[in-house]
């Protein structure tokens, strides 16, 4: 059980990081299409 805890934490971290990245990419796309000028 002690070995599983770090794996679960890493898995959750990666999962939330990917979700946040996807949401940020979608937000950036809508922002760019609305304004016309790409912002990075």
PDB file of N, CA and C in Angstrom:
ATOM      1  N   UNK A   1       0.832  -1.210   0.000  1.00  0.00           N
ATOM      2  CA  UNK A   1       0.000   0.000   0.000  1.00  0.00           C
ATOM      3  C   UNK A   1       0.868   1.262   0.000  1.00  0.00           C
ATOM      4  N   UNK A   2       1.965   1.220   0.741  1.00  0.00           N
ATOM      5  CA  UNK A   2       2.832   2.402   0.818  1.00  0.00           C
ATOM      6  C   UNK A   2       3.433   2.726  -0.545  1.00  0.00           C
ATOM      7  N   UNK A   3       3.623   1.696  -1.366  1.00  0.00           N
ATOM      8  CA  UNK A   3       4.180   1.932  -2.703  1.00  0.00           C
ATOM      9  C   UNK A   3       3.143   2.505  -3.648  1.00  0.00           C
ATOM     10  N   UNK A   4       1.878   2.233  -3.386  1.00  0.00           N
ATOM     11  CA  UNK A   4       0.817   2.683  -4.290  1.00  0.00           C
ATOM     12  C   UNK A   4       0.543   4.177  -4.157  1.00  0.00           C
ATOM     13  N   UNK A   5       0.754   4.716  -2.971  1.00  0.00           N
ATOM     14  CA  UNK A   5       0.400   6.122  -2.738  1.00  0.00           C
ATOM     15  C   UNK A   5       1.145   7.068  -3.686  1.00  0.00           C
ATOM     16  N   UNK A   6       2.472   6.966  -3.819  1.00  0.00           N
ATOM     17  CA  UNK A   6       3.154   7.864  -4.767  1.00  0.00           C
ATOM     18  C   UNK A   6       2.675   7.680  -6.203  1.00  0.00           C
ATOM     19  N   UNK A   7       2.389   6.440  -6.588  1.00  0.00           N
ATOM     20  CA  UNK A   7       1.903   6.193  -7.954  1.00  0.00           C
ATOM     21  C   UNK A   7       0.560   6.878  -8.179  1.00  0.00           C
ATOM     22  N   UNK A   8      -0.316   6.786  -7.185  1.00  0.00           N
ATOM     23  CA  UNK A   8      -1.634   7.419  -7.308  1.00  0.00           C
ATOM     24  C   UNK A   8      -1.474   8.934  -7.408  1.00  0.00           C
ATOM     25  N   UNK A   9      -0.592   9.493  -6.576  1.00  0.00           N
ATOM     26  CA  UNK A   9      -0.378  10.944  -6.592  1.00  0.00           C
ATOM     27  C   UNK A   9       0.175  11.390  -7.940  1.00  0.00           C
ATOM     28  N   UNK A  10       1.129  10.644  -8.477  1.00  0.00           N
ATOM     29  CA  UNK A  10       1.710  10.987  -9.781  1.00  0.00           C
ATOM     30  C   UNK A  10       0.639  10.890 -10.864  1.00  0.00           C
ATOM     31  N   UNK A  11      -0.156   9.831 -10.812  1.00  0.00           N
ATOM     32  CA  UNK A  11      -1.215   9.654 -11.800  1.00  0.00           C
ATOM     33  C   UNK A  11      -2.210  10.804 -11.769  1.00  0.00           C
ATOM     34  N   UNK A  12      -2.612  11.194 -10.565  1.00  0.00           N
ATOM     35  CA  UNK A  12      -3.558  12.303 -10.440  1.00  0.00           C
ATOM     36  C   UNK A  12      -2.930  13.600 -10.934  1.00  0.00           C
ATOM     37  N   UNK A  13      -1.662  13.808 -10.601  1.00  0.00           N
ATOM     38  CA  UNK A  13      -0.973  15.019 -11.038  1.00  0.00           C
ATOM     39  C   UNK A  13      -0.925  15.111 -12.551  1.00  0.00           C
ATOM     40  N   UNK A  14      -0.560  13.999 -13.202  1.00  0.00           N
ATOM     41  CA  UNK A  14      -0.487  13.979 -14.668  1.00  0.00           C
ATOM     42  C   UNK A  14      -1.872  14.197 -15.267  1.00  0.00           C
ATOM     43  N   UNK A  15      -2.879  13.544 -14.674  1.00  0.00           N
ATOM     44  CA  UNK A  15      -4.244  13.653 -15.188  1.00  0.00           C
ATOM     45  C   UNK A  15      -4.730  15.102 -15.148  1.00  0.00           C
ATOM     46  N   UNK A  16      -4.540  15.742 -13.983  1.00  0.00           N
ATOM     47  CA  UNK A  16      -5.011  17.119 -13.852  1.00  0.00           C
ATOM     48  C   UNK A  16      -4.191  18.065 -14.720  1.00  0.00           C
ATOM     49  N   UNK A  17      -2.868  17.761 -14.855  1.00  0.00           N
ATOM     50  CA  UNK A  17      -2.005  18.614 -15.680  1.00  0.00           C
ATOM     51  C   UNK A  17      -2.445  18.543 -17.140  1.00  0.00           C
ATOM     52  N   UNK A  18      -2.748  17.340 -17.621  1.00  0.00           N
ATOM     53  CA  UNK A  18      -3.190  17.188 -19.010  1.00  0.00           C
ATOM     54  C   UNK A  18      -4.529  17.891 -19.217  1.00  0.00           C
ATOM     55  N   UNK A  19      -5.431  17.759 -18.226  1.00  0.00           N
ATOM     56  CA  UNK A  19      -6.735  18.410 -18.346  1.00  0.00           C
ATOM     57  C   UNK A  19      -6.575  19.926 -18.412  1.00  0.00           C
ATOM     58  N   UNK A  20      -5.720  20.462 -17.549  1.00  0.00           N
ATOM     59  CA  UNK A  20      -5.507  21.911 -17.527  1.00  0.00           C
ATOM     60  C   UNK A  20      -4.864  22.370 -18.833  1.00  0.00           C
ATOM     61  N   UNK A  21      -3.931  21.555 -19.361  1.00  0.00           N
ATOM     62  CA  UNK A  21      -3.258  21.911 -20.609  1.00  0.00           C
ATOM     63  C   UNK A  21      -4.259  21.938 -21.760  1.00  0.00           C
ATOM     64  N   UNK A  22      -5.142  20.932 -21.801  1.00  0.00           N
ATOM     65  CA  UNK A  22      -6.132  20.864 -22.872  1.00  0.00           C
ATOM     66  C   UNK A  22      -7.074  22.066 -22.788  1.00  0.00           C
ATOM     67  N   UNK A  23      -7.501  22.384 -21.577  1.00  0.00           N
ATOM     68  CA  UNK A  23      -8.404  23.511 -21.400  1.00  0.00           C
ATOM     69  C   UNK A  23      -7.706  24.809 -21.801  1.00  0.00           C
ATOM     70  N   UNK A  24      -6.431  24.956 -21.448  1.00  0.00           N
ATOM     71  CA  UNK A  24      -5.678  26.163 -21.801  1.00  0.00           C
ATOM     72  C   UNK A  24      -5.543  26.278 -23.312  1.00  0.00           C
ATOM     73  N   UNK A  25      -5.317  25.152 -23.987  1.00  0.00           N
ATOM     74  CA  UNK A  25      -5.177  25.169 -25.444  1.00  0.00           C
ATOM     75  C   UNK A  25      -6.501  25.577 -26.092  1.00  0.00           C
ATOM     76  N   UNK A  26      -7.594  25.031 -25.590  1.00  0.00           N
ATOM     77  CA  UNK A  26      -8.903  25.389 -26.140  1.00  0.00           C
ATOM     78  C   UNK A  26      -9.189  26.869 -25.903  1.00  0.00           C
ATOM     79  N   UNK A  27      -8.856  27.349 -24.711  1.00  0.00           N
ATOM     80  CA  UNK A  27      -9.080  28.752 -24.381  1.00  0.00           C
ATOM     81  C   UNK A  27      -8.254  29.649 -25.295  1.00  0.00           C
ATOM     82  N   UNK A  28      -6.999  29.262 -25.542  1.00  0.00           N
ATOM     83  CA  UNK A  28      -6.116  30.051 -26.405  1.00  0.00           C
ATOM     84  C   UNK A  28      -6.668  30.076 -27.826  1.00  0.00           C
ATOM     85  N   UNK A  29      -7.201  28.954 -28.289  1.00  0.00           N
ATOM     86  CA  UNK A  29      -7.745  28.895 -29.647  1.00  0.00           C
ATOM     87  C   UNK A  29      -8.947  29.825 -29.788  1.00  0.00           C
ATOM     88  N   UNK A  30      -9.845  29.781 -28.829  1.00  0.00           N
ATOM     89  CA  UNK A  30     -11.021  30.643 -28.910  1.00  0.00           C
ATOM     90  C   UNK A  30     -10.600  32.100 -28.793  1.00  0.00           C
ATOM     91  N   UNK A  31      -9.602  32.357 -27.966  1.00  0.00           N
ATOM     92  CA  UNK A  31      -9.115  33.726 -27.792  1.00  0.00           C
ATOM     93  C   UNK A  31      -8.524  34.249 -29.100  1.00  0.00           C
ATOM     94  N   UNK A  32      -7.732  33.393 -29.771  1.00  0.00           N
ATOM     95  CA  UNK A  32      -7.095  33.797 -31.028  1.00  0.00           C
ATOM     96  C   UNK A  32      -8.144  34.013 -32.113  1.00  0.00           C
ATOM     97  N   UNK A  33      -9.084  33.083 -32.240  1.00  0.00           N
ATOM     98  CA  UNK A  33     -10.074  33.188 -33.307  1.00  0.00           C
ATOM     99  C   UNK A  33     -10.967  34.408 -33.081  1.00  0.00           C
ATOM    100  N   UNK A  34     -11.212  34.751 -31.819  1.00  0.00           N
ATOM    101  CA  UNK A  34     -12.056  35.901 -31.541  1.00  0.00           C
ATOM    102  C   UNK A  34     -11.348  37.211 -31.841  1.00  0.00           C
ATOM    103  N   UNK A  35     -10.057  37.254 -31.597  1.00  0.00           N
ATOM    104  CA  UNK A  35      -9.312  38.498 -31.774  1.00  0.00           C
ATOM    105  C   UNK A  35      -8.688  38.596 -33.163  1.00  0.00           C
ATOM    106  N   UNK A  36      -8.236  37.451 -33.673  1.00  0.00           N
ATOM    107  CA  UNK A  36      -7.613  37.446 -34.992  1.00  0.00           C
ATOM    108  C   UNK A  36      -6.097  37.460 -34.907  1.00  0.00           C
ATOM    109  N   UNK A  37      -5.568  37.971 -33.809  1.00  0.00           N
ATOM    110  CA  UNK A  37      -4.111  38.002 -33.643  1.00  0.00           C
ATOM    111  C   UNK A  37      -3.705  36.937 -32.637  1.00  0.00           C
ATOM    112  N   UNK A  38      -2.749  36.103 -32.987  1.00  0.00           N
ATOM    113  CA  UNK A  38      -2.326  35.051 -32.057  1.00  0.00           C
ATOM    114  C   UNK A  38      -1.573  35.625 -30.866  1.00  0.00           C
ATOM    115  N   UNK A  39      -1.904  35.123 -29.693  1.00  0.00           N
ATOM    116  CA  UNK A  39      -1.200  35.557 -28.478  1.00  0.00           C
ATOM    117  C   UNK A  39      -0.563  34.347 -27.840  1.00  0.00           C
ATOM    118  N   UNK A  40       0.710  34.446 -27.541  1.00  0.00           N
ATOM    119  CA  UNK A  40       1.420  33.327 -26.907  1.00  0.00           C
ATOM    120  C   UNK A  40       1.998  33.797 -25.591  1.00  0.00           C
TER     121      UNK A  40
END
